């Protein structure tokens, strides 16, 4: 199919076949369906894809060689914006209703202007350090260097022996965004309330939450290798 955006109605008009027949042929005989393109942060070059494959392969080999040692040494982090108010997603706002009940209405609501960025550092045991940056502030090279020094002190204090074993540091891991997702629909008066809610969220997670989040990387690395680096997590 040269034009993959062509509509079923257009194909029916051109071929003289009924709309239903075209739909049936596409679905049942050609096994095709129409999907939306996935938005990605940026298009990767061949070299960038190769680098992703190489890094994924190294990480996967280390993980599979000695999972216990890997999990002890591994530290990851992510950054996520958390608004004073973030509306629920369409899925989060879904409710059960009877067939005879009217369809509920939902008015469009925008995110609040007030927000903070949370930098969360953790390992297989749980949270090591959480830091916040107010709206308008930026993470510069100097700030990041100081932050890593603070992380080192936190690891030394909370994870005895990890620095000596050699930390495997991984930047950006998806579970941090779960906090922002769970706080959708809640309203906070100021940054301090946001921070308190974030802290409460993390404190409410058991060790299994953090362990599984890191173990799941094995599947992501494998998929990245299988797709030759052209892989974006949903």
Protein backbone atom coordinates (compact mmCIF):
# COMPACT_ATOMS: atom_id res chain seq x y z
CA UNK A 1 0.00 0.00 0.00
CA UNK A 2 1.76 3.13 -1.25
CA UNK A 3 -0.34 5.60 0.73
CA UNK A 4 -0.68 4.21 4.24
CA UNK A 5 -2.99 7.07 5.26
CA UNK A 6 -5.62 6.21 2.65
CA UNK A 7 -9.12 5.70 4.06
CA UNK A 8 -11.29 2.60 3.66
CA UNK A 9 -13.96 4.73 1.98
CA UNK A 10 -11.46 5.96 -0.64
CA UNK A 11 -10.31 2.40 -1.41
CA UNK A 12 -13.94 1.33 -1.78
CA UNK A 13 -14.67 4.17 -4.23
CA UNK A 14 -11.56 3.47 -6.34
CA UNK A 15 -12.02 -0.31 -6.51
CA UNK A 16 -15.81 -0.41 -6.70
CA UNK A 17 -15.92 -2.79 -3.73
CA UNK A 18 -18.26 -2.17 -0.83
CA UNK A 19 -16.96 -0.48 2.33
CA UNK A 20 -17.60 -3.62 4.40
CA UNK A 21 -15.76 -5.86 1.94
CA UNK A 22 -12.70 -3.59 1.92
CA UNK A 23 -12.73 -3.52 5.71
CA UNK A 24 -12.99 -7.34 5.86
CA UNK A 25 -10.18 -7.88 3.32
CA UNK A 26 -7.82 -5.52 5.13
CA UNK A 27 -8.49 -7.05 8.54
CA UNK A 28 -9.01 -10.77 7.83
CA UNK A 29 -6.94 -11.45 4.69
CA UNK A 30 -4.17 -8.83 4.77
CA UNK A 31 -4.09 -8.68 8.60
CA UNK A 32 -3.75 -4.91 8.55
CA UNK A 33 -5.06 -2.32 10.99
CA UNK A 34 -4.77 1.46 11.14
CA UNK A 35 -2.72 2.84 13.99
CA UNK A 36 -1.47 6.24 15.09
CA UNK A 37 2.22 7.04 14.85
CA UNK A 38 3.97 7.10 18.21
CA UNK A 39 5.48 10.42 19.27
CA UNK A 40 9.14 10.09 20.18
CA UNK A 41 11.43 12.71 21.80
CA UNK A 42 13.76 12.75 18.82
CA UNK A 43 14.81 10.74 15.78
CA UNK A 44 17.92 8.69 16.48
CA UNK A 45 20.85 8.43 14.07
CA UNK A 46 22.30 5.04 13.15
CA UNK A 47 25.29 5.76 15.39
CA UNK A 48 23.03 6.60 18.36
CA UNK A 49 21.06 3.39 17.82
CA UNK A 50 24.29 1.40 17.72
CA UNK A 51 25.44 3.03 20.98
CA UNK A 52 22.14 2.10 22.61
CA UNK A 53 22.55 -1.51 21.53
CA UNK A 54 26.16 -1.64 22.77
CA UNK A 55 25.23 -0.15 26.16
CA UNK A 56 22.19 -2.43 26.51
CA UNK A 57 24.32 -5.47 25.71
CA UNK A 58 26.96 -4.54 28.32
CA UNK A 59 24.29 -3.91 30.98
CA UNK A 60 22.46 -7.13 30.13
CA UNK A 61 25.65 -9.19 30.37
CA UNK A 62 26.49 -7.70 33.79
CA UNK A 63 22.95 -8.28 35.05
CA UNK A 64 22.76 -11.89 33.89
CA UNK A 65 26.29 -12.78 35.04
CA UNK A 66 25.56 -12.01 38.72
CA UNK A 67 22.12 -10.55 39.39
CA UNK A 68 22.60 -10.24 43.16
CA UNK A 69 25.87 -8.31 42.79
CA UNK A 70 24.40 -6.15 40.03
CA UNK A 71 21.36 -5.20 42.12
CA UNK A 72 23.57 -4.31 45.09
CA UNK A 73 25.75 -1.97 43.00
CA UNK A 74 23.01 -0.47 40.81
CA UNK A 75 21.66 3.04 41.50
CA UNK A 76 19.21 4.78 39.19
CA UNK A 77 17.38 8.11 39.03
CA UNK A 78 14.82 10.10 37.13
CA UNK A 79 13.41 13.62 37.09
CA UNK A 80 9.75 14.50 36.76
CA UNK A 81 7.70 17.69 36.95
CA UNK A 82 4.92 17.60 39.55
CA UNK A 83 2.23 20.31 39.32
CA UNK A 84 0.25 21.81 42.17
CA UNK A 85 -2.66 20.38 40.19
CA UNK A 86 -2.53 17.92 37.30
CA UNK A 87 -5.86 16.71 35.84
CA UNK A 88 -6.55 12.99 35.77
CA UNK A 89 -5.92 11.11 32.54
CA UNK A 90 -8.90 9.83 30.54
CA UNK A 91 -8.27 6.31 31.83
CA UNK A 92 -7.98 7.43 35.46
CA UNK A 93 -11.32 9.28 35.30
CA UNK A 94 -13.29 6.33 33.86
CA UNK A 95 -16.24 5.12 35.97
CA UNK A 96 -18.64 2.16 35.86
CA UNK A 97 -22.20 2.88 34.68
CA UNK A 98 -25.31 0.93 33.80
CA UNK A 99 -26.46 0.69 30.19
CA UNK A 100 -29.44 2.91 31.00
CA UNK A 101 -27.37 5.56 32.79
CA UNK A 102 -26.42 8.77 30.94
CA UNK A 103 -22.84 9.16 29.76
CA UNK A 104 -20.90 11.27 32.29
CA UNK A 105 -19.39 14.57 31.14
CA UNK A 106 -15.93 15.82 31.93
CA UNK A 107 -14.89 19.44 31.51
CA UNK A 108 -11.45 20.23 30.14
CA UNK A 109 -9.07 21.26 32.93
CA UNK A 110 -5.51 22.53 32.50
CA UNK A 111 -2.47 21.82 34.64
CA UNK A 112 -1.59 24.50 37.19
CA UNK A 113 1.29 26.91 36.61
CA UNK A 114 2.83 26.07 39.99
CA UNK A 115 5.13 23.07 39.82
CA UNK A 116 8.37 21.60 41.12
CA UNK A 117 10.80 19.15 39.57
CA UNK A 118 11.60 16.10 41.68
CA UNK A 119 14.94 14.32 41.22
CA UNK A 120 14.58 10.83 42.67
CA UNK A 121 17.51 8.48 43.31
CA UNK A 122 16.93 4.87 44.36
CA UNK A 123 18.20 1.30 44.23
CA UNK A 124 16.73 -2.19 44.72
CA UNK A 125 16.24 -1.47 48.44
CA UNK A 126 14.34 1.79 48.06
CA UNK A 127 14.78 5.57 47.99
CA UNK A 128 18.26 6.95 48.61
CA UNK A 129 17.66 10.65 48.00
CA UNK A 130 14.94 13.00 46.70
CA UNK A 131 15.64 16.63 45.78
CA UNK A 132 13.32 19.35 44.50
CA UNK A 133 13.83 22.30 42.18
CA UNK A 134 11.25 25.09 41.95
CA UNK A 135 9.71 26.36 38.73
CA UNK A 136 12.05 28.75 36.94
CA UNK A 137 15.22 27.13 38.26
CA UNK A 138 17.40 25.14 35.88
CA UNK A 139 19.67 22.15 36.31
CA UNK A 140 23.10 23.38 35.27
CA UNK A 141 26.32 21.40 35.03
CA UNK A 142 27.46 22.88 38.34
CA UNK A 143 24.16 22.02 40.06
CA UNK A 144 24.30 18.45 38.74
CA UNK A 145 27.90 17.98 39.91
CA UNK A 146 26.93 19.16 43.41
CA UNK A 147 23.90 16.88 43.32
CA UNK A 148 26.06 13.84 42.52
CA UNK A 149 28.32 14.74 45.44
CA UNK A 150 25.26 14.86 47.70
CA UNK A 151 24.17 11.51 46.30
CA UNK A 152 27.56 10.02 47.14
CA UNK A 153 27.19 11.18 50.76
CA UNK A 154 23.66 9.75 50.92
CA UNK A 155 24.86 6.39 49.58
CA UNK A 156 27.71 6.30 52.08
CA UNK A 157 25.26 6.99 54.91
CA UNK A 158 22.38 4.71 53.85
CA UNK A 159 23.99 1.89 51.82
CA UNK A 160 27.05 0.56 53.61
CA UNK A 161 29.56 -1.08 51.27
CA UNK A 162 27.97 0.11 48.01
CA UNK A 163 30.63 2.74 47.25
CA UNK A 164 33.38 0.23 47.95
CA UNK A 165 31.76 -2.31 45.62
CA UNK A 166 31.56 0.32 42.87
CA UNK A 167 28.28 2.03 42.01
CA UNK A 168 26.67 1.31 38.63
CA UNK A 169 24.81 4.58 37.99
CA UNK A 170 21.90 4.64 35.55
CA UNK A 171 20.36 7.98 34.52
CA UNK A 172 16.61 8.21 33.91
CA UNK A 173 14.38 5.28 34.79
CA UNK A 174 10.60 5.40 34.31
CA UNK A 175 9.25 4.48 37.80
CA UNK A 176 9.83 8.03 39.10
CA UNK A 177 6.97 9.20 36.88
CA UNK A 178 4.60 6.88 38.75
CA UNK A 179 4.55 9.39 41.60
CA UNK A 180 3.36 12.15 39.26
CA UNK A 181 0.71 9.84 37.78
CA UNK A 182 -0.63 8.86 41.22
CA UNK A 183 -0.94 12.52 42.24
CA UNK A 184 -3.10 13.48 39.24
CA UNK A 185 -6.43 14.95 40.30
CA UNK A 186 -5.12 16.17 43.67
CA UNK A 187 -4.76 19.88 44.45
CA UNK A 188 -1.87 21.33 46.44
CA UNK A 189 -1.67 24.86 47.81
CA UNK A 190 2.09 25.25 47.55
CA UNK A 191 5.41 23.49 46.88
CA UNK A 192 5.66 22.17 50.44
CA UNK A 193 2.38 20.26 50.03
CA UNK A 194 3.61 18.79 46.75
CA UNK A 195 6.85 17.66 48.37
CA UNK A 196 5.00 16.12 51.32
CA UNK A 197 2.72 14.18 48.94
CA UNK A 198 5.70 12.91 46.94
CA UNK A 199 7.47 11.79 50.11
CA UNK A 200 4.30 10.02 51.28
CA UNK A 201 4.01 8.23 47.95
CA UNK A 202 7.54 6.86 48.11
CA UNK A 203 7.20 5.88 51.76
CA UNK A 204 4.09 3.91 50.84
CA UNK A 205 5.97 1.68 48.39
CA UNK A 206 7.45 -1.61 49.57
CA UNK A 207 10.86 -2.99 48.60
CA UNK A 208 9.28 -5.13 45.86
CA UNK A 209 8.20 -1.98 43.99
CA UNK A 210 11.78 -0.76 43.62
CA UNK A 211 13.25 -4.22 42.99
CA UNK A 212 10.84 -5.01 40.17
CA UNK A 213 11.42 -1.60 38.61
CA UNK A 214 15.11 -2.38 38.24
CA UNK A 215 14.63 -6.02 37.24
CA UNK A 216 12.32 -4.86 34.44
CA UNK A 217 15.33 -3.21 32.81
CA UNK A 218 16.41 -6.68 31.66
CA UNK A 219 13.40 -6.81 29.32
CA UNK A 220 13.99 -3.25 28.12
CA UNK A 221 17.66 -3.92 27.33
CA UNK A 222 16.72 -7.14 25.53
CA UNK A 223 14.07 -5.37 23.47
CA UNK A 224 16.46 -2.53 22.64
CA UNK A 225 18.97 -5.08 21.31
CA UNK A 226 16.31 -7.00 19.36
CA UNK A 227 15.05 -3.77 17.74
CA UNK A 228 18.60 -2.63 16.91
CA UNK A 229 18.35 0.42 19.16
CA UNK A 230 15.13 1.75 17.64
CA UNK A 231 13.15 1.30 20.85
CA UNK A 232 11.06 3.77 22.83
CA UNK A 233 9.34 2.77 26.06
CA UNK A 234 5.57 3.44 26.04
